Each structure stands twice: as C-alpha cells, then as structure tokens.
Amino acid sequence: MDDFSTTTYEQAFSELSGILEQLESDGLTLAECVTLFERGRRLAAFCQRQIDAAELRVSQLGEDGSEQPL
C-alpha cells in the first residue's frame, strides 16, 4: 500500500494527470499500462478522500466561519 502521509492533494493530482497522459500515449506495454492504472487508482482514491475531508470541514462551518455542532 502507498504511504501518502507526506503527499499533498496537488502533488497527487499532478501525478495522476501525468499517468493519464502516459496511458493515452502509444508505446506502453500491457504490463506498464496495468502498473500505471493501479497507481492511478490509488492516487484517485487518495484525492477523493482529500476532497471528502475538505467538504466535511466546509460543511461544518457556519456563515460566520465558526464551527457548527454536528
């Protein structure tokens, strides 16, 4: 499993974008495609967790910026 503890959303998204470009290009072997696809899936899941956490934080804020009780 990947350790994303020091990875930012922006870094993960940038790497994911690069993987997509590579997968869209010619010249990769099937094994390379599968490896890139697997890495991309892990990066996409990490990015989604980051987005979910940010949405939760925003939804917990009131209009005045103070935290609202759940």
PDB file of N, CA and C in Angstrom:
ATOM      1  N   MET A   1       0.840  -1.187   0.000  1.00  0.00           N
ATOM      2  CA  MET A   1       0.000   0.000   0.000  1.00  0.00           C
ATOM      3  C   MET A   1       0.884   1.249   0.000  1.00  0.00           C
ATOM      4  N   ASP A   2       0.434   2.289  -0.645  1.00  0.00           N
ATOM      5  CA  ASP A   2       1.201   3.531  -0.740  1.00  0.00           C
ATOM      6  C   ASP A   2       1.090   4.327   0.552  1.00  0.00           C
ATOM      7  N   ASP A   3       2.169   5.013   0.863  1.00  0.00           N
ATOM      8  CA  ASP A   3       2.168   5.908   2.019  1.00  0.00           C
ATOM      9  C   ASP A   3       2.026   7.333   1.491  1.00  0.00           C
ATOM     10  N   PHE A   4       0.834   7.890   1.646  1.00  0.00           N
ATOM     11  CA  PHE A   4       0.563   9.239   1.181  1.00  0.00           C
ATOM     12  C   PHE A   4       0.642  10.254   2.323  1.00  0.00           C
ATOM     13  N   SER A   5       1.294   9.888   3.423  1.00  0.00           N
ATOM     14  CA  SER A   5       1.288  10.754   4.609  1.00  0.00           C
ATOM     15  C   SER A   5       1.947  12.108   4.362  1.00  0.00           C
ATOM     16  N   THR A   6       2.869  12.182   3.429  1.00  0.00           N
ATOM     17  CA  THR A   6       3.531  13.466   3.151  1.00  0.00           C
ATOM     18  C   THR A   6       3.124  14.038   1.803  1.00  0.00           C
ATOM     19  N   THR A   7       2.129  13.436   1.168  1.00  0.00           N
ATOM     20  CA  THR A   7       1.686  13.857  -0.147  1.00  0.00           C
ATOM     21  C   THR A   7       0.532  14.842  -0.024  1.00  0.00           C
ATOM     22  N   THR A   8       0.612  15.926  -0.784  1.00  0.00           N
ATOM     23  CA  THR A   8      -0.499  16.869  -0.812  1.00  0.00           C
ATOM     24  C   THR A   8      -1.471  16.461  -1.917  1.00  0.00           C
ATOM     25  N   TYR A   9      -2.661  17.010  -1.844  1.00  0.00           N
ATOM     26  CA  TYR A   9      -3.652  16.780  -2.894  1.00  0.00           C
ATOM     27  C   TYR A   9      -3.087  17.215  -4.241  1.00  0.00           C
ATOM     28  N   GLU A  10      -2.464  18.378  -4.258  1.00  0.00           N
ATOM     29  CA  GLU A  10      -1.937  18.935  -5.501  1.00  0.00           C
ATOM     30  C   GLU A  10      -0.861  18.021  -6.113  1.00  0.00           C
ATOM     31  N   GLN A  11       0.003  17.462  -5.280  1.00  0.00           N
ATOM     32  CA  GLN A  11       1.031  16.548  -5.776  1.00  0.00           C
ATOM     33  C   GLN A  11       0.402  15.284  -6.355  1.00  0.00           C
ATOM     34  N   ALA A  12      -0.560  14.736  -5.640  1.00  0.00           N
ATOM     35  CA  ALA A  12      -1.221  13.513  -6.096  1.00  0.00           C
ATOM     36  C   ALA A  12      -1.975  13.761  -7.395  1.00  0.00           C
ATOM     37  N   PHE A  13      -2.669  14.888  -7.466  1.00  0.00           N
ATOM     38  CA  PHE A  13      -3.438  15.202  -8.677  1.00  0.00           C
ATOM     39  C   PHE A  13      -2.513  15.402  -9.866  1.00  0.00           C
ATOM     40  N   SER A  14      -1.376  16.045  -9.645  1.00  0.00           N
ATOM     41  CA  SER A  14      -0.403  16.260 -10.707  1.00  0.00           C
ATOM     42  C   SER A  14       0.142  14.924 -11.216  1.00  0.00           C
ATOM     43  N   GLU A  15       0.474  14.035 -10.295  1.00  0.00           N
ATOM     44  CA  GLU A  15       0.973  12.713 -10.698  1.00  0.00           C
ATOM     45  C   GLU A  15      -0.111  11.944 -11.448  1.00  0.00           C
ATOM     46  N   LEU A  16      -1.337  12.026 -10.963  1.00  0.00           N
ATOM     47  CA  LEU A  16      -2.449  11.350 -11.626  1.00  0.00           C
ATOM     48  C   LEU A  16      -2.640  11.887 -13.049  1.00  0.00           C
ATOM     49  N   SER A  17      -2.536  13.181 -13.221  1.00  0.00           N
ATOM     50  CA  SER A  17      -2.645  13.775 -14.560  1.00  0.00           C
ATOM     51  C   SER A  17      -1.555  13.255 -15.483  1.00  0.00           C
ATOM     52  N   GLY A  18      -0.347  13.131 -14.953  1.00  0.00           N
ATOM     53  CA  GLY A  18       0.766  12.591 -15.743  1.00  0.00           C
ATOM     54  C   GLY A  18       0.534  11.144 -16.132  1.00  0.00           C
ATOM     55  N   ILE A  19      -0.032  10.376 -15.231  1.00  0.00           N
ATOM     56  CA  ILE A  19      -0.335   8.976 -15.529  1.00  0.00           C
ATOM     57  C   ILE A  19      -1.370   8.891 -16.644  1.00  0.00           C
ATOM     58  N   LEU A  20      -2.384   9.743 -16.583  1.00  0.00           N
ATOM     59  CA  LEU A  20      -3.401   9.737 -17.629  1.00  0.00           C
ATOM     60  C   LEU A  20      -2.792  10.055 -18.993  1.00  0.00           C
ATOM     61  N   GLU A  21      -1.888  11.018 -19.023  1.00  0.00           N
ATOM     62  CA  GLU A  21      -1.208  11.358 -20.281  1.00  0.00           C
ATOM     63  C   GLU A  21      -0.414  10.164 -20.805  1.00  0.00           C
ATOM     64  N   GLN A  22       0.284   9.474 -19.897  1.00  0.00           N
ATOM     65  CA  GLN A  22       1.069   8.309 -20.311  1.00  0.00           C
ATOM     66  C   GLN A  22       0.165   7.206 -20.856  1.00  0.00           C
ATOM     67  N   LEU A  23      -0.953   6.976 -20.184  1.00  0.00           N
ATOM     68  CA  LEU A  23      -1.863   5.923 -20.624  1.00  0.00           C
ATOM     69  C   LEU A  23      -2.503   6.244 -21.975  1.00  0.00           C
ATOM     70  N   GLU A  24      -2.649   7.519 -22.275  1.00  0.00           N
ATOM     71  CA  GLU A  24      -3.236   7.923 -23.553  1.00  0.00           C
ATOM     72  C   GLU A  24      -2.228   7.886 -24.699  1.00  0.00           C
ATOM     73  N   SER A  25      -0.953   7.769 -24.371  1.00  0.00           N
ATOM     74  CA  SER A  25       0.079   7.745 -25.407  1.00  0.00           C
ATOM     75  C   SER A  25       0.294   6.315 -25.901  1.00  0.00           C
ATOM     76  N   ASP A  26       0.972   6.199 -27.013  1.00  0.00           N
ATOM     77  CA  ASP A  26       1.306   4.893 -27.579  1.00  0.00           C
ATOM     78  C   ASP A  26       2.642   4.426 -27.021  1.00  0.00           C
ATOM     79  N   GLY A  27       2.900   3.154 -27.182  1.00  0.00           N
ATOM     80  CA  GLY A  27       4.226   2.638 -26.877  1.00  0.00           C
ATOM     81  C   GLY A  27       4.372   1.964 -25.531  1.00  0.00           C
ATOM     82  N   LEU A  28       3.334   1.903 -24.734  1.00  0.00           N
ATOM     83  CA  LEU A  28       3.431   1.228 -23.440  1.00  0.00           C
ATOM     84  C   LEU A  28       3.080  -0.242 -23.597  1.00  0.00           C
ATOM     85  N   THR A  29       3.762  -1.060 -22.828  1.00  0.00           N
ATOM     86  CA  THR A  29       3.401  -2.475 -22.810  1.00  0.00           C
ATOM     87  C   THR A  29       2.163  -2.658 -21.942  1.00  0.00           C
ATOM     88  N   LEU A  30       1.555  -3.813 -22.063  1.00  0.00           N
ATOM     89  CA  LEU A  30       0.391  -4.108 -21.242  1.00  0.00           C
ATOM     90  C   LEU A  30       0.756  -4.062 -19.762  1.00  0.00           C
ATOM     91  N   ALA A  31       1.902  -4.603 -19.404  1.00  0.00           N
ATOM     92  CA  ALA A  31       2.336  -4.601 -18.009  1.00  0.00           C
ATOM     93  C   ALA A  31       2.517  -3.175 -17.488  1.00  0.00           C
ATOM     94  N   GLU A  32       3.090  -2.306 -18.322  1.00  0.00           N
ATOM     95  CA  GLU A  32       3.263  -0.908 -17.930  1.00  0.00           C
ATOM     96  C   GLU A  32       1.915  -0.224 -17.748  1.00  0.00           C
ATOM     97  N   CYS A  33       0.984  -0.512 -18.631  1.00  0.00           N
ATOM     98  CA  CYS A  33      -0.363   0.065 -18.521  1.00  0.00           C
ATOM     99  C   CYS A  33      -1.046  -0.369 -17.225  1.00  0.00           C
ATOM    100  N   VAL A  34      -0.930  -1.640 -16.911  1.00  0.00           N
ATOM    101  CA  VAL A  34      -1.557  -2.150 -15.691  1.00  0.00           C
ATOM    102  C   VAL A  34      -0.931  -1.508 -14.456  1.00  0.00           C
ATOM    103  N   THR A  35       0.378  -1.392 -14.439  1.00  0.00           N
ATOM    104  CA  THR A  35       1.065  -0.769 -13.299  1.00  0.00           C
ATOM    105  C   THR A  35       0.637   0.689 -13.149  1.00  0.00           C
ATOM    106  N   LEU A  36       0.595   1.418 -14.249  1.00  0.00           N
ATOM    107  CA  LEU A  36       0.162   2.816 -14.202  1.00  0.00           C
ATOM    108  C   LEU A  36      -1.292   2.929 -13.770  1.00  0.00           C
ATOM    109  N   PHE A  37      -2.137   2.042 -14.279  1.00  0.00           N
ATOM    110  CA  PHE A  37      -3.543   2.053 -13.913  1.00  0.00           C
ATOM    111  C   PHE A  37      -3.721   1.822 -12.418  1.00  0.00           C
ATOM    112  N   GLU A  38      -2.996   0.858 -11.873  1.00  0.00           N
ATOM    113  CA  GLU A  38      -3.084   0.574 -10.430  1.00  0.00           C
ATOM    114  C   GLU A  38      -2.650   1.782  -9.608  1.00  0.00           C
ATOM    115  N   ARG A  39      -1.543   2.401  -9.990  1.00  0.00           N
ATOM    116  CA  ARG A  39      -1.065   3.591  -9.283  1.00  0.00           C
ATOM    117  C   ARG A  39      -2.105   4.714  -9.405  1.00  0.00           C
ATOM    118  N   GLY A  40      -2.660   4.877 -10.586  1.00  0.00           N
ATOM    119  CA  GLY A  40      -3.677   5.898 -10.798  1.00  0.00           C
ATOM    120  C   GLY A  40      -4.899   5.687  -9.924  1.00  0.00           C
ATOM    121  N   ARG A  41      -5.328   4.448  -9.779  1.00  0.00           N
ATOM    122  CA  ARG A  41      -6.489   4.154  -8.919  1.00  0.00           C
ATOM    123  C   ARG A  41      -6.204   4.542  -7.468  1.00  0.00           C
ATOM    124  N   ARG A  42      -4.995   4.230  -6.986  1.00  0.00           N
ATOM    125  CA  ARG A  42      -4.630   4.590  -5.605  1.00  0.00           C
ATOM    126  C   ARG A  42      -4.573   6.106  -5.438  1.00  0.00           C
ATOM    127  N   LEU A  43      -4.014   6.795  -6.431  1.00  0.00           N
ATOM    128  CA  LEU A  43      -3.957   8.257  -6.376  1.00  0.00           C
ATOM    129  C   LEU A  43      -5.357   8.869  -6.426  1.00  0.00           C
ATOM    130  N   ALA A  44      -6.219   8.329  -7.267  1.00  0.00           N
ATOM    131  CA  ALA A  44      -7.586   8.840  -7.373  1.00  0.00           C
ATOM    132  C   ALA A  44      -8.330   8.654  -6.055  1.00  0.00           C
ATOM    133  N   ALA A  45      -8.145   7.512  -5.414  1.00  0.00           N
ATOM    134  CA  ALA A  45      -8.794   7.262  -4.120  1.00  0.00           C
ATOM    135  C   ALA A  45      -8.272   8.237  -3.069  1.00  0.00           C
ATOM    136  N   PHE A  46      -6.962   8.483  -3.066  1.00  0.00           N
ATOM    137  CA  PHE A  46      -6.376   9.448  -2.129  1.00  0.00           C
ATOM    138  C   PHE A  46      -6.966  10.834  -2.359  1.00  0.00           C
ATOM    139  N   CYS A  47      -7.032  11.252  -3.624  1.00  0.00           N
ATOM    140  CA  CYS A  47      -7.583  12.571  -3.939  1.00  0.00           C
ATOM    141  C   CYS A  47      -9.045  12.671  -3.497  1.00  0.00           C
ATOM    142  N   GLN A  48      -9.813  11.614  -3.710  1.00  0.00           N
ATOM    143  CA  GLN A  48     -11.219  11.635  -3.308  1.00  0.00           C
ATOM    144  C   GLN A  48     -11.356  11.752  -1.791  1.00  0.00           C
ATOM    145  N   ARG A  49     -10.500  11.062  -1.049  1.00  0.00           N
ATOM    146  CA  ARG A  49     -10.535  11.182   0.425  1.00  0.00           C
ATOM    147  C   ARG A  49     -10.216  12.610   0.862  1.00  0.00           C
ATOM    148  N   GLN A  50      -9.270  13.249   0.170  1.00  0.00           N
ATOM    149  CA  GLN A  50      -8.917  14.625   0.500  1.00  0.00           C
ATOM    150  C   GLN A  50     -10.092  15.566   0.212  1.00  0.00           C
ATOM    151  N   ILE A  51     -10.756  15.359  -0.912  1.00  0.00           N
ATOM    152  CA  ILE A  51     -11.920  16.179  -1.265  1.00  0.00           C
ATOM    153  C   ILE A  51     -13.046  15.968  -0.263  1.00  0.00           C
ATOM    154  N   ASP A  52     -13.309  14.720   0.102  1.00  0.00           N
ATOM    155  CA  ASP A  52     -14.362  14.415   1.073  1.00  0.00           C
ATOM    156  C   ASP A  52     -14.090  15.093   2.415  1.00  0.00           C
ATOM    157  N   ALA A  53     -12.829  15.052   2.857  1.00  0.00           N
ATOM    158  CA  ALA A  53     -12.468  15.679   4.130  1.00  0.00           C
ATOM    159  C   ALA A  53     -12.639  17.195   4.055  1.00  0.00           C
ATOM    160  N   ALA A  54     -12.262  17.790   2.934  1.00  0.00           N
ATOM    161  CA  ALA A  54     -12.408  19.238   2.771  1.00  0.00           C
ATOM    162  C   ALA A  54     -13.883  19.629   2.742  1.00  0.00           C
ATOM    163  N   GLU A  55     -14.709  18.846   2.048  1.00  0.00           N
ATOM    164  CA  GLU A  55     -16.149  19.131   2.004  1.00  0.00           C
ATOM    165  C   GLU A  55     -16.768  19.042   3.394  1.00  0.00           C
ATOM    166  N   LEU A  56     -16.343  18.063   4.176  1.00  0.00           N
ATOM    167  CA  LEU A  56     -16.852  17.924   5.533  1.00  0.00           C
ATOM    168  C   LEU A  56     -16.472  19.136   6.376  1.00  0.00           C
ATOM    169  N   ARG A  57     -15.228  19.568   6.280  1.00  0.00           N
ATOM    170  CA  ARG A  57     -14.788  20.746   7.039  1.00  0.00           C
ATOM    171  C   ARG A  57     -15.592  21.975   6.658  1.00  0.00           C
ATOM    172  N   VAL A  58     -15.804  22.183   5.366  1.00  0.00           N
ATOM    173  CA  VAL A  58     -16.549  23.345   4.895  1.00  0.00           C
ATOM    174  C   VAL A  58     -17.995  23.271   5.360  1.00  0.00           C
ATOM    175  N   SER A  59     -18.585  22.076   5.308  1.00  0.00           N
ATOM    176  CA  SER A  59     -19.985  21.943   5.709  1.00  0.00           C
ATOM    177  C   SER A  59     -20.179  22.163   7.201  1.00  0.00           C
ATOM    178  N   GLN A  60     -19.118  21.999   7.978  1.00  0.00           N
ATOM    179  CA  GLN A  60     -19.207  22.192   9.417  1.00  0.00           C
ATOM    180  C   GLN A  60     -19.042  23.655   9.821  1.00  0.00           C
ATOM    181  N   LEU A  61     -18.694  24.513   8.890  1.00  0.00           N
ATOM    182  CA  LEU A  61     -18.522  25.927   9.184  1.00  0.00           C
ATOM    183  C   LEU A  61     -19.841  26.668   9.022  1.00  0.00           C
ATOM    184  N   GLY A  62     -20.100  27.560   9.935  1.00  0.00           N
ATOM    185  CA  GLY A  62     -21.277  28.410   9.808  1.00  0.00           C
ATOM    186  C   GLY A  62     -20.976  29.600   8.912  1.00  0.00           C
ATOM    187  N   GLU A  63     -21.958  30.405   8.663  1.00  0.00           N
ATOM    188  CA  GLU A  63     -21.768  31.567   7.793  1.00  0.00           C
ATOM    189  C   GLU A  63     -20.733  32.538   8.350  1.00  0.00           C
ATOM    190  N   ASP A  64     -20.610  32.585   9.684  1.00  0.00           N
ATOM    191  CA  ASP A  64     -19.643  33.497  10.288  1.00  0.00           C
ATOM    192  C   ASP A  64     -18.252  32.881  10.423  1.00  0.00           C
ATOM    193  N   GLY A  65     -18.079  31.652   9.927  1.00  0.00           N
ATOM    194  CA  GLY A  65     -16.764  30.995   9.980  1.00  0.00           C
ATOM    195  C   GLY A  65     -16.538  30.166  11.227  1.00  0.00           C
ATOM    196  N   SER A  66     -17.487  30.187  12.161  1.00  0.00           N
ATOM    197  CA  SER A  66     -17.324  29.379  13.361  1.00  0.00           C
ATOM    198  C   SER A  66     -17.833  27.976  13.087  1.00  0.00           C
ATOM    199  N   GLU A  67     -17.288  27.011  13.823  1.00  0.00           N
ATOM    200  CA  GLU A  67     -17.735  25.633  13.642  1.00  0.00           C
ATOM    201  C   GLU A  67     -19.133  25.450  14.190  1.00  0.00           C
ATOM    202  N   GLN A  68     -19.921  24.705  13.457  1.00  0.00           N
ATOM    203  CA  GLN A  68     -21.279  24.398  13.884  1.00  0.00           C
ATOM    204  C   GLN A  68     -21.307  22.994  14.483  1.00  0.00           C
ATOM    205  N   PRO A  69     -22.106  22.778  15.506  1.00  0.00           N
ATOM    206  CA  PRO A  69     -22.213  21.438  16.062  1.00  0.00           C
ATOM    207  C   PRO A  69     -22.851  20.490  15.061  1.00  0.00           C
ATOM    208  N   LEU A  70     -22.424  19.226  15.112  1.00  0.00           N
ATOM    209  CA  LEU A  70     -22.990  18.225  14.192  1.00  0.00           C
ATOM    210  C   LEU A  70     -24.332  17.756  14.637  1.00  0.00           C
TER     211      LEU A  70
END
